């Protein structure tokens, strides 16, 4: 499926549960992503990265501004047209919503539900159709032996990779991937990033991923968007992102924005909290 283009015009998003006095999770934000482009979004915790993905996935309605997907305003469409458009989007949350007692093959094939009729969807719960495709998708993430395993018997890292493998089966032109490496060791992290970027490139799929691993983002994505406090800090080709950009992006106090000393790139990564590495099976 062809990639989708994304355009945000002074988009502002407030969470439904937020108080009227709370600042918007996304302040007026404008940017454009071409069809088939691969973009990484970085920034400190609470910067609005996940909110951005949910807004583009049409899961959060903007409070002001405009979102266009392939030139269409999703919130101006009739309900059925909006549902069809959502079927062309794939959102991979950091913690995938996989039913614990479901077999992995069934959880994977659920990615094809937008293309199935009601009765075909019910039949698939009993007799999965397309198990070979599911097996091939799992193999790309080093999980081919987990096809018939129940989800509640998978480790956290395995569940995360199953959630990402669903992208390879989804009829989507836009992949929105939230922190795909949070439960993975370095080896599996490289595998996941190479698989997602390689498959998206081969299919012409637009890929937008949020990452805390700044070095991975810069090495693997041609374009980097930096978010801070719900606002655009920078939007640059990865080769043009400097240590000064990163210091300003991750500065924890306002006075640091003007007083941060130069440091090597590897020391300019976010250090507000110590990194915990979880090694998965």
Protein backbone atom coordinates (compact mmCIF):
# COMPACT_ATOMS: atom_id res chain seq x y z
CA UNK A 1 0.00 0.00 0.00
CA UNK A 2 1.28 3.46 -0.92
CA UNK A 3 2.54 5.67 1.86
CA UNK A 4 0.40 8.45 3.30
CA UNK A 5 1.45 12.08 3.46
CA UNK A 6 0.93 13.92 6.76
CA UNK A 7 0.41 17.66 7.25
CA UNK A 8 -0.08 19.50 10.55
CA UNK A 9 -1.14 23.14 10.43
CA UNK A 10 -0.87 24.87 13.83
CA UNK A 11 -2.24 21.71 15.46
CA UNK A 12 -3.07 21.91 19.15
CA UNK A 13 -4.12 18.86 21.17
CA UNK A 14 -5.46 18.71 24.71
CA UNK A 15 -6.06 15.45 26.54
CA UNK A 16 -9.76 14.93 27.35
CA UNK A 17 -9.03 14.41 31.06
CA UNK A 18 -6.81 17.50 31.40
CA UNK A 19 -8.04 20.47 33.40
CA UNK A 20 -8.86 23.72 31.68
CA UNK A 21 -5.80 25.33 33.29
CA UNK A 22 -3.39 22.62 32.12
CA UNK A 23 -1.24 23.50 29.11
CA UNK A 24 -1.97 21.71 25.85
CA UNK A 25 -0.04 18.49 25.31
CA UNK A 26 0.76 19.75 21.82
CA UNK A 27 1.01 23.50 21.34
CA UNK A 28 0.33 24.93 17.86
CA UNK A 29 2.52 22.62 15.78
CA UNK A 30 3.11 22.76 12.04
CA UNK A 31 5.05 20.22 10.00
CA UNK A 32 4.75 18.09 6.88
CA UNK A 33 5.86 14.51 6.23
CA UNK A 34 6.03 13.26 2.67
CA UNK A 35 4.57 9.93 1.60
CA UNK A 36 7.16 7.19 2.15
CA UNK A 37 9.39 9.35 4.35
CA UNK A 38 11.03 7.95 7.51
CA UNK A 39 11.12 10.31 10.50
CA UNK A 40 12.22 9.87 14.12
CA UNK A 41 10.76 12.04 16.89
CA UNK A 42 12.97 12.61 19.94
CA UNK A 43 12.67 14.67 23.10
CA UNK A 44 12.48 14.40 26.89
CA UNK A 45 9.66 12.62 28.71
CA UNK A 46 6.46 14.63 28.56
CA UNK A 47 7.50 16.43 25.39
CA UNK A 48 4.34 15.34 23.53
CA UNK A 49 5.83 12.56 21.39
CA UNK A 50 3.15 9.95 22.13
CA UNK A 51 0.41 12.58 21.87
CA UNK A 52 1.69 13.47 18.40
CA UNK A 53 1.39 9.85 17.25
CA UNK A 54 -2.11 9.49 18.71
CA UNK A 55 -3.24 12.72 17.05
CA UNK A 56 -1.96 11.58 13.65
CA UNK A 57 -3.60 8.18 14.22
CA UNK A 58 -6.95 9.98 14.65
CA UNK A 59 -7.20 8.72 18.23
CA UNK A 60 -7.14 12.24 19.69
CA UNK A 61 -9.16 15.02 18.10
CA UNK A 62 -7.33 18.35 17.79
CA UNK A 63 -8.66 21.21 19.88
CA UNK A 64 -7.54 23.62 17.16
CA UNK A 65 -5.54 23.63 13.96
CA UNK A 66 -5.75 21.09 11.20
CA UNK A 67 -4.51 17.58 10.43
CA UNK A 68 -4.42 16.35 6.84
CA UNK A 69 -3.73 12.75 5.79
CA UNK A 70 -3.14 12.51 2.05
CA UNK A 71 -4.83 15.88 1.77
CA UNK A 72 -7.94 14.81 3.71
CA UNK A 73 -9.09 16.24 7.01
CA UNK A 74 -10.10 13.05 8.86
CA UNK A 75 -12.35 14.89 11.31
CA UNK A 76 -14.46 16.32 8.49
CA UNK A 77 -15.22 12.87 7.03
CA UNK A 78 -18.38 10.82 7.61
CA UNK A 79 -17.99 8.11 10.25
CA UNK A 80 -17.54 5.25 7.78
CA UNK A 81 -15.01 7.18 5.72
CA UNK A 82 -13.08 7.97 8.90
CA UNK A 83 -13.09 4.27 9.83
CA UNK A 84 -11.75 3.36 6.38
CA UNK A 85 -9.02 5.96 6.73
CA UNK A 86 -8.08 4.61 10.17
CA UNK A 87 -7.72 1.21 8.52
CA UNK A 88 -4.82 2.67 6.53
CA UNK A 89 -3.00 3.67 9.72
CA UNK A 90 -1.02 1.38 12.00
CA UNK A 91 -0.29 2.55 15.55
CA UNK A 92 2.13 0.45 17.61
CA UNK A 93 1.93 1.56 21.26
CA UNK A 94 4.90 1.07 23.55
CA UNK A 95 2.91 -1.63 25.38
CA UNK A 96 0.96 -3.53 22.70
CA UNK A 97 -2.67 -4.33 23.61
CA UNK A 98 -2.45 -8.09 23.08
CA UNK A 99 -5.16 -10.27 24.71
CA UNK A 100 -3.21 -12.43 27.23
CA UNK A 101 -5.02 -15.72 26.50
CA UNK A 102 -4.88 -15.34 22.76
CA UNK A 103 -2.39 -17.25 20.64
CA UNK A 104 0.32 -15.20 19.00
CA UNK A 105 -0.87 -16.12 15.51
CA UNK A 106 -4.36 -14.77 16.26
CA UNK A 107 -2.98 -11.58 17.80
CA UNK A 108 -0.86 -11.04 14.70
CA UNK A 109 -3.59 -11.68 12.17
CA UNK A 110 -5.82 -9.16 13.96
CA UNK A 111 -3.78 -6.56 12.07
CA UNK A 112 -5.74 -7.58 8.96
CA UNK A 113 -9.16 -6.92 10.50
CA UNK A 114 -9.70 -3.70 8.50
CA UNK A 115 -9.82 -5.83 5.32
CA UNK A 116 -12.05 -8.62 6.68
CA UNK A 117 -15.80 -8.92 6.89
CA UNK A 118 -17.50 -9.47 10.25
CA UNK A 119 -17.96 -13.21 9.66
CA UNK A 120 -14.42 -13.66 8.32
CA UNK A 121 -13.13 -11.95 11.48
CA UNK A 122 -15.06 -14.40 13.67
CA UNK A 123 -13.83 -17.40 11.67
CA UNK A 124 -10.25 -16.23 12.04
CA UNK A 125 -10.53 -16.47 15.82
CA UNK A 126 -11.18 -20.22 15.51
CA UNK A 127 -9.22 -21.10 12.38
CA UNK A 128 -6.53 -18.52 11.62
CA UNK A 129 -6.27 -17.82 7.90
CA UNK A 130 -2.83 -16.66 6.85
CA UNK A 131 -0.73 -18.45 9.47
CA UNK A 132 2.12 -18.69 6.94
CA UNK A 133 2.23 -14.90 6.60
CA UNK A 134 2.15 -14.53 10.37
CA UNK A 135 5.06 -16.96 10.69
CA UNK A 136 7.06 -15.00 8.11
CA UNK A 137 6.40 -11.72 9.96
CA UNK A 138 7.52 -13.26 13.26
CA UNK A 139 10.68 -14.59 11.61
CA UNK A 140 11.68 -11.03 10.71
CA UNK A 141 11.72 -10.29 14.44
CA UNK A 142 13.42 -13.56 15.51
CA UNK A 143 10.18 -15.00 16.95
CA UNK A 144 9.24 -17.71 14.45
CA UNK A 145 9.04 -20.34 17.20
CA UNK A 146 6.32 -18.39 19.04
CA UNK A 147 3.57 -18.64 16.41
CA UNK A 148 1.25 -20.86 18.47
CA UNK A 149 2.35 -19.65 21.92
CA UNK A 150 -0.18 -17.89 24.15
CA UNK A 151 0.52 -14.21 24.60
CA UNK A 152 0.66 -14.47 28.40
CA UNK A 153 3.59 -16.87 28.06
CA UNK A 154 5.72 -14.35 26.18
CA UNK A 155 8.27 -12.11 27.86
CA UNK A 156 7.83 -8.34 27.77
CA UNK A 157 10.36 -7.99 24.97
CA UNK A 158 8.70 -10.75 22.96
CA UNK A 159 5.30 -9.08 23.31
CA UNK A 160 6.77 -5.82 22.12
CA UNK A 161 8.21 -7.52 19.03
CA UNK A 162 4.90 -9.29 18.34
CA UNK A 163 3.19 -5.90 18.44
CA UNK A 164 5.70 -4.56 15.91
CA UNK A 165 5.41 -7.65 13.68
CA UNK A 166 1.73 -6.78 13.23
CA UNK A 167 2.87 -3.85 11.09
CA UNK A 168 4.07 -6.26 8.42
CA UNK A 169 0.55 -7.69 8.10
CA UNK A 170 -1.45 -4.48 8.43
CA UNK A 171 -2.96 -2.90 5.27
CA UNK A 172 -1.46 0.44 6.27
CA UNK A 173 0.37 3.19 4.42
CA UNK A 174 1.48 4.92 7.62
CA UNK A 175 3.26 3.26 10.56
CA UNK A 176 3.21 5.18 13.84
CA UNK A 177 5.58 3.44 16.23
CA UNK A 178 5.94 4.54 19.85
CA UNK A 179 9.19 3.70 21.66
CA UNK A 180 9.74 0.34 19.91
CA UNK A 181 13.01 -0.40 21.77
CA UNK A 182 11.95 0.18 25.39
CA UNK A 183 12.01 -3.53 26.39
CA UNK A 184 14.77 -4.75 24.06
CA UNK A 185 18.48 -5.48 24.41
CA UNK A 186 20.93 -3.81 21.98
CA UNK A 187 21.05 -6.76 19.57
CA UNK A 188 17.28 -7.02 19.29
CA UNK A 189 17.04 -3.24 19.07
CA UNK A 190 19.23 -3.23 15.96
CA UNK A 191 17.14 -6.04 14.45
CA UNK A 192 13.88 -4.16 15.09
CA UNK A 193 15.09 -0.85 13.66
CA UNK A 194 16.60 -2.49 10.58
CA UNK A 195 13.43 -4.50 9.97
CA UNK A 196 11.05 -1.56 10.37
CA UNK A 197 13.06 0.85 8.25
CA UNK A 198 13.90 -1.77 5.63
CA UNK A 199 10.31 -2.98 5.26
CA UNK A 200 8.92 0.55 5.20
CA UNK A 201 11.41 1.49 2.49
CA UNK A 202 10.60 -1.58 0.39
CA UNK A 203 6.85 -0.96 0.63
CA UNK A 204 6.93 2.82 0.28
CA UNK A 205 5.25 3.09 3.69
CA UNK A 206 5.54 6.30 5.69
CA UNK A 207 7.26 5.63 9.04
CA UNK A 208 7.10 7.91 12.06
CA UNK A 209 8.75 6.57 15.22
CA UNK A 210 9.37 8.06 18.65
CA UNK A 211 12.68 7.10 20.26
CA UNK A 212 14.57 7.83 23.46
CA UNK A 213 17.71 6.29 21.94
CA UNK A 214 19.05 9.42 20.26
CA UNK A 215 22.08 7.69 18.76
CA UNK A 216 19.83 5.08 17.10
CA UNK A 217 17.51 7.77 15.77
CA UNK A 218 20.33 9.76 14.19
CA UNK A 219 22.01 6.67 12.72
CA UNK A 220 18.84 5.06 11.33
CA UNK A 221 16.48 7.86 10.23
CA UNK A 222 17.12 10.51 7.56
CA UNK A 223 15.10 13.15 9.39
CA UNK A 224 14.84 14.04 13.08
CA UNK A 225 12.09 16.05 14.77
CA UNK A 226 12.81 17.34 18.27
CA UNK A 227 9.88 18.07 20.59
CA UNK A 228 10.06 19.87 23.93
CA UNK A 229 7.09 20.94 26.08
CA UNK A 230 4.70 20.16 23.24
CA UNK A 231 6.49 22.49 20.84
CA UNK A 232 8.77 21.96 17.86
CA UNK A 233 12.39 22.43 18.95
CA UNK A 234 13.91 21.53 15.58
CA UNK A 235 13.17 19.64 12.36
CA UNK A 236 16.39 18.69 10.59
CA UNK A 237 18.13 16.09 8.45
CA UNK A 238 19.88 13.73 10.85
CA UNK A 239 23.31 14.78 9.57
CA UNK A 240 22.59 18.35 10.68
CA UNK A 241 21.58 17.55 14.27
CA UNK A 242 24.40 18.87 16.45
CA UNK A 243 25.31 18.30 20.08
CA UNK A 244 24.11 21.84 20.75
CA UNK A 245 20.65 20.93 19.39
CA UNK A 246 20.55 17.93 21.74
CA UNK A 247 21.74 19.87 24.77
CA UNK A 248 19.03 22.45 24.24
CA UNK A 249 16.40 19.80 23.63
CA UNK A 250 17.18 17.85 26.79
CA UNK A 251 18.05 20.76 29.10
CA UNK A 252 16.13 20.24 32.33
CA UNK A 253 15.89 23.90 33.36
CA UNK A 254 15.29 27.00 31.32
CA UNK A 255 18.64 28.63 32.27
CA UNK A 256 20.46 25.65 30.74
CA UNK A 257 19.20 26.60 27.30
CA UNK A 258 21.62 29.53 27.19
CA UNK A 259 24.41 28.20 29.39
CA UNK A 260 24.97 24.59 28.27
CA UNK A 261 28.67 23.86 27.61
CA UNK A 262 29.72 21.93 24.50
CA UNK A 263 30.17 18.19 25.05
CA UNK A 264 30.80 15.18 22.78
CA UNK A 265 27.74 13.81 20.98
CA UNK A 266 27.62 10.60 23.02
CA UNK A 267 27.41 12.68 26.21
CA UNK A 268 24.63 14.82 24.79
CA UNK A 269 22.10 12.05 25.11
CA UNK A 270 19.30 12.39 27.67
CA UNK A 271 20.67 11.81 31.15
CA UNK A 272 17.85 13.00 33.39
CA UNK A 273 17.12 9.42 34.42
CA UNK A 274 19.44 6.41 34.40
CA UNK A 275 18.73 4.00 31.56
CA UNK A 276 17.46 0.56 32.51
CA UNK A 277 18.19 -2.20 30.03
CA UNK A 278 15.79 -5.13 30.10
CA UNK A 279 17.18 -8.22 28.39
CA UNK A 280 14.43 -10.26 26.75
CA UNK A 281 14.45 -13.89 25.79
